[in-house]
N, C-alpha and C. Protein backbone atom coordinates (compact mmCIF):
# COMPACT_ATOMS: atom_id res chain seq x y z
N MET A 1 22.11 -37.96 18.84
CA MET A 1 21.29 -37.90 17.63
C MET A 1 19.88 -37.44 17.97
N LYS A 2 19.34 -37.93 19.10
CA LYS A 2 17.99 -37.55 19.50
C LYS A 2 17.93 -36.05 19.80
N THR A 3 18.97 -35.52 20.43
CA THR A 3 19.02 -34.09 20.73
C THR A 3 19.02 -33.27 19.45
N PHE A 4 19.77 -33.73 18.45
CA PHE A 4 19.81 -33.03 17.16
C PHE A 4 18.43 -32.99 16.52
N ARG A 5 17.72 -34.10 16.56
CA ARG A 5 16.37 -34.15 15.97
C ARG A 5 15.42 -33.19 16.69
N ILE A 6 15.53 -33.11 18.00
CA ILE A 6 14.68 -32.20 18.77
C ILE A 6 15.00 -30.76 18.42
N LEU A 7 16.29 -30.43 18.32
CA LEU A 7 16.68 -29.07 17.94
C LEU A 7 16.21 -28.72 16.53
N LEU A 8 16.33 -29.67 15.63
CA LEU A 8 15.88 -29.46 14.26
C LEU A 8 14.37 -29.24 14.21
N ALA A 9 13.63 -30.02 14.97
CA ALA A 9 12.17 -29.86 15.01
C ALA A 9 11.79 -28.51 15.59
N CYS A 10 12.48 -28.07 16.64
CA CYS A 10 12.19 -26.77 17.24
C CYS A 10 12.50 -25.63 16.27
N ALA A 11 13.61 -25.75 15.56
CA ALA A 11 13.97 -24.71 14.59
C ALA A 11 12.96 -24.64 13.46
N THR A 12 12.50 -25.79 13.01
CA THR A 12 11.49 -25.84 11.95
C THR A 12 10.19 -25.21 12.43
N LEU A 13 9.77 -25.56 13.63
CA LEU A 13 8.54 -25.00 14.19
C LEU A 13 8.65 -23.49 14.34
N ALA A 14 9.78 -23.00 14.81
CA ALA A 14 9.98 -21.56 14.96
C ALA A 14 9.90 -20.85 13.61
N THR A 15 10.45 -21.46 12.58
CA THR A 15 10.40 -20.87 11.23
C THR A 15 8.96 -20.80 10.73
N VAL A 16 8.20 -21.85 10.95
CA VAL A 16 6.79 -21.87 10.52
C VAL A 16 6.00 -20.81 11.26
N ILE A 17 6.19 -20.69 12.55
CA ILE A 17 5.46 -19.70 13.34
C ILE A 17 5.82 -18.30 12.88
N GLN A 18 7.10 -18.05 12.64
CA GLN A 18 7.52 -16.73 12.18
C GLN A 18 6.92 -16.40 10.82
N ALA A 19 6.88 -17.37 9.93
CA ALA A 19 6.31 -17.15 8.60
C ALA A 19 4.83 -16.84 8.68
N GLN A 20 4.12 -17.45 9.62
CA GLN A 20 2.69 -17.21 9.76
C GLN A 20 2.42 -15.83 10.32
N ASN A 21 3.36 -15.27 11.07
CA ASN A 21 3.16 -13.96 11.67
C ASN A 21 3.57 -12.82 10.74
N THR A 22 4.05 -13.15 9.56
CA THR A 22 4.44 -12.14 8.59
C THR A 22 3.19 -11.61 7.90
N ALA A 23 3.02 -10.30 7.96
CA ALA A 23 1.84 -9.68 7.35
C ALA A 23 1.96 -9.72 5.83
N PRO A 24 0.84 -9.96 5.14
CA PRO A 24 0.88 -9.94 3.68
C PRO A 24 1.15 -8.52 3.19
N PRO A 25 1.71 -8.40 2.00
CA PRO A 25 1.98 -7.06 1.47
C PRO A 25 0.69 -6.28 1.25
N LYS A 26 0.76 -5.00 1.47
CA LYS A 26 -0.39 -4.13 1.25
C LYS A 26 -0.53 -3.85 -0.25
N THR A 27 -1.73 -3.99 -0.77
CA THR A 27 -1.97 -3.69 -2.18
C THR A 27 -3.25 -2.87 -2.29
N HIS A 28 -3.42 -2.30 -3.43
CA HIS A 28 -4.64 -1.54 -3.70
C HIS A 28 -5.49 -2.29 -4.71
N LEU A 29 -5.24 -3.58 -4.89
CA LEU A 29 -5.99 -4.38 -5.85
C LEU A 29 -7.38 -4.68 -5.33
N LYS A 30 -8.32 -4.67 -6.25
CA LYS A 30 -9.71 -5.02 -5.94
C LYS A 30 -10.12 -6.16 -6.87
N VAL A 31 -11.20 -6.82 -6.53
CA VAL A 31 -11.73 -7.88 -7.38
C VAL A 31 -11.96 -7.31 -8.77
N GLY A 32 -11.47 -8.00 -9.78
CA GLY A 32 -11.64 -7.56 -11.16
C GLY A 32 -10.47 -6.76 -11.70
N ASP A 33 -9.55 -6.31 -10.83
CA ASP A 33 -8.37 -5.57 -11.30
C ASP A 33 -7.43 -6.51 -12.06
N GLU A 34 -6.67 -5.95 -12.97
CA GLU A 34 -5.67 -6.72 -13.69
C GLU A 34 -4.52 -7.04 -12.74
N ALA A 35 -4.06 -8.26 -12.77
CA ALA A 35 -2.96 -8.67 -11.90
C ALA A 35 -1.67 -7.99 -12.33
N PRO A 36 -0.85 -7.58 -11.39
CA PRO A 36 0.45 -7.01 -11.76
C PRO A 36 1.36 -8.11 -12.31
N ASP A 37 2.29 -7.72 -13.14
CA ASP A 37 3.21 -8.70 -13.72
C ASP A 37 4.11 -9.26 -12.63
N PHE A 38 4.37 -10.54 -12.69
CA PHE A 38 5.29 -11.18 -11.76
C PHE A 38 5.93 -12.36 -12.45
N SER A 39 6.99 -12.87 -11.84
CA SER A 39 7.73 -14.00 -12.39
C SER A 39 7.89 -15.05 -11.31
N LEU A 40 7.70 -16.31 -11.70
CA LEU A 40 7.88 -17.45 -10.80
C LEU A 40 8.55 -18.57 -11.58
N PRO A 41 9.27 -19.45 -10.88
CA PRO A 41 9.89 -20.58 -11.59
C PRO A 41 8.86 -21.64 -11.94
N ASP A 42 9.02 -22.25 -13.12
CA ASP A 42 8.16 -23.37 -13.48
C ASP A 42 8.72 -24.64 -12.85
N THR A 43 8.15 -25.78 -13.16
CA THR A 43 8.58 -27.03 -12.54
C THR A 43 10.01 -27.42 -12.91
N ALA A 44 10.53 -26.84 -13.98
CA ALA A 44 11.91 -27.10 -14.37
C ALA A 44 12.86 -26.04 -13.83
N GLY A 45 12.33 -25.05 -13.09
CA GLY A 45 13.15 -23.99 -12.53
C GLY A 45 13.34 -22.80 -13.44
N LYS A 46 12.76 -22.84 -14.65
CA LYS A 46 12.88 -21.74 -15.61
C LYS A 46 11.88 -20.64 -15.24
N PRO A 47 12.32 -19.37 -15.17
CA PRO A 47 11.38 -18.30 -14.81
C PRO A 47 10.32 -18.08 -15.89
N VAL A 48 9.10 -17.89 -15.44
CA VAL A 48 7.97 -17.62 -16.33
C VAL A 48 7.27 -16.37 -15.81
N LYS A 49 7.03 -15.42 -16.72
CA LYS A 49 6.36 -14.19 -16.33
C LYS A 49 4.89 -14.25 -16.75
N LEU A 50 4.05 -13.63 -15.95
CA LEU A 50 2.63 -13.56 -16.28
C LEU A 50 2.43 -12.87 -17.62
N SER A 51 3.22 -11.84 -17.89
CA SER A 51 3.08 -11.09 -19.14
C SER A 51 3.41 -11.94 -20.38
N ASP A 52 4.09 -13.07 -20.19
CA ASP A 52 4.38 -13.97 -21.32
C ASP A 52 3.10 -14.50 -21.96
N PHE A 53 1.99 -14.52 -21.19
CA PHE A 53 0.73 -15.09 -21.67
C PHE A 53 -0.27 -14.04 -22.11
N LYS A 54 0.05 -12.76 -21.95
CA LYS A 54 -0.90 -11.69 -22.27
C LYS A 54 -1.29 -11.74 -23.74
N GLY A 55 -2.59 -11.81 -24.00
CA GLY A 55 -3.11 -11.84 -25.36
C GLY A 55 -2.99 -13.18 -26.04
N LYS A 56 -2.43 -14.19 -25.37
CA LYS A 56 -2.23 -15.50 -25.98
C LYS A 56 -3.17 -16.55 -25.40
N LYS A 57 -3.27 -16.59 -24.09
CA LYS A 57 -4.03 -17.64 -23.43
C LYS A 57 -4.74 -17.07 -22.21
N GLY A 58 -5.78 -17.76 -21.78
CA GLY A 58 -6.39 -17.41 -20.51
C GLY A 58 -5.51 -17.98 -19.40
N VAL A 59 -5.39 -17.26 -18.31
CA VAL A 59 -4.55 -17.70 -17.20
C VAL A 59 -5.40 -17.79 -15.94
N VAL A 60 -5.26 -18.89 -15.24
CA VAL A 60 -5.93 -19.06 -13.95
C VAL A 60 -4.85 -19.09 -12.88
N LEU A 61 -4.95 -18.19 -11.91
CA LEU A 61 -4.02 -18.17 -10.80
C LEU A 61 -4.67 -18.90 -9.63
N ALA A 62 -4.02 -19.90 -9.12
CA ALA A 62 -4.54 -20.64 -7.98
C ALA A 62 -3.44 -20.76 -6.93
N PHE A 63 -3.79 -20.45 -5.69
CA PHE A 63 -2.83 -20.53 -4.60
C PHE A 63 -3.31 -21.54 -3.59
N PHE A 64 -2.42 -22.40 -3.16
CA PHE A 64 -2.75 -23.44 -2.19
C PHE A 64 -1.81 -23.28 -1.00
N PRO A 65 -2.20 -22.45 -0.02
CA PRO A 65 -1.32 -22.28 1.15
C PRO A 65 -1.04 -23.61 1.83
N ALA A 66 0.19 -23.83 2.13
CA ALA A 66 0.65 -25.03 2.83
C ALA A 66 0.41 -26.32 2.06
N ALA A 67 0.24 -26.23 0.74
CA ALA A 67 0.04 -27.44 -0.06
C ALA A 67 1.27 -28.33 0.03
N PHE A 68 1.05 -29.58 0.16
CA PHE A 68 2.10 -30.59 0.22
C PHE A 68 3.05 -30.42 1.40
N THR A 69 2.61 -29.73 2.47
CA THR A 69 3.47 -29.56 3.62
C THR A 69 3.04 -30.43 4.80
N GLY A 70 1.88 -31.05 4.70
CA GLY A 70 1.40 -31.88 5.79
C GLY A 70 0.88 -31.08 6.97
N GLY A 71 0.75 -29.77 6.82
CA GLY A 71 0.29 -28.95 7.96
C GLY A 71 -0.78 -28.08 7.64
């Protein structure tokens, strides 16, 4: 059981390191540009598109890298 936990920890660490070495996508966006449309799941798993809010509400995009991961 101890060996399994060590292997699991090593695999998790390798995944985290690999994810950190992934380059962000190249974009031509500048400060003040309109955000491109995208879709993400809400807390219930239902997809929500940014364009769903266009002309209806102000939208604040906030990103918290590694939020709730303990790292």
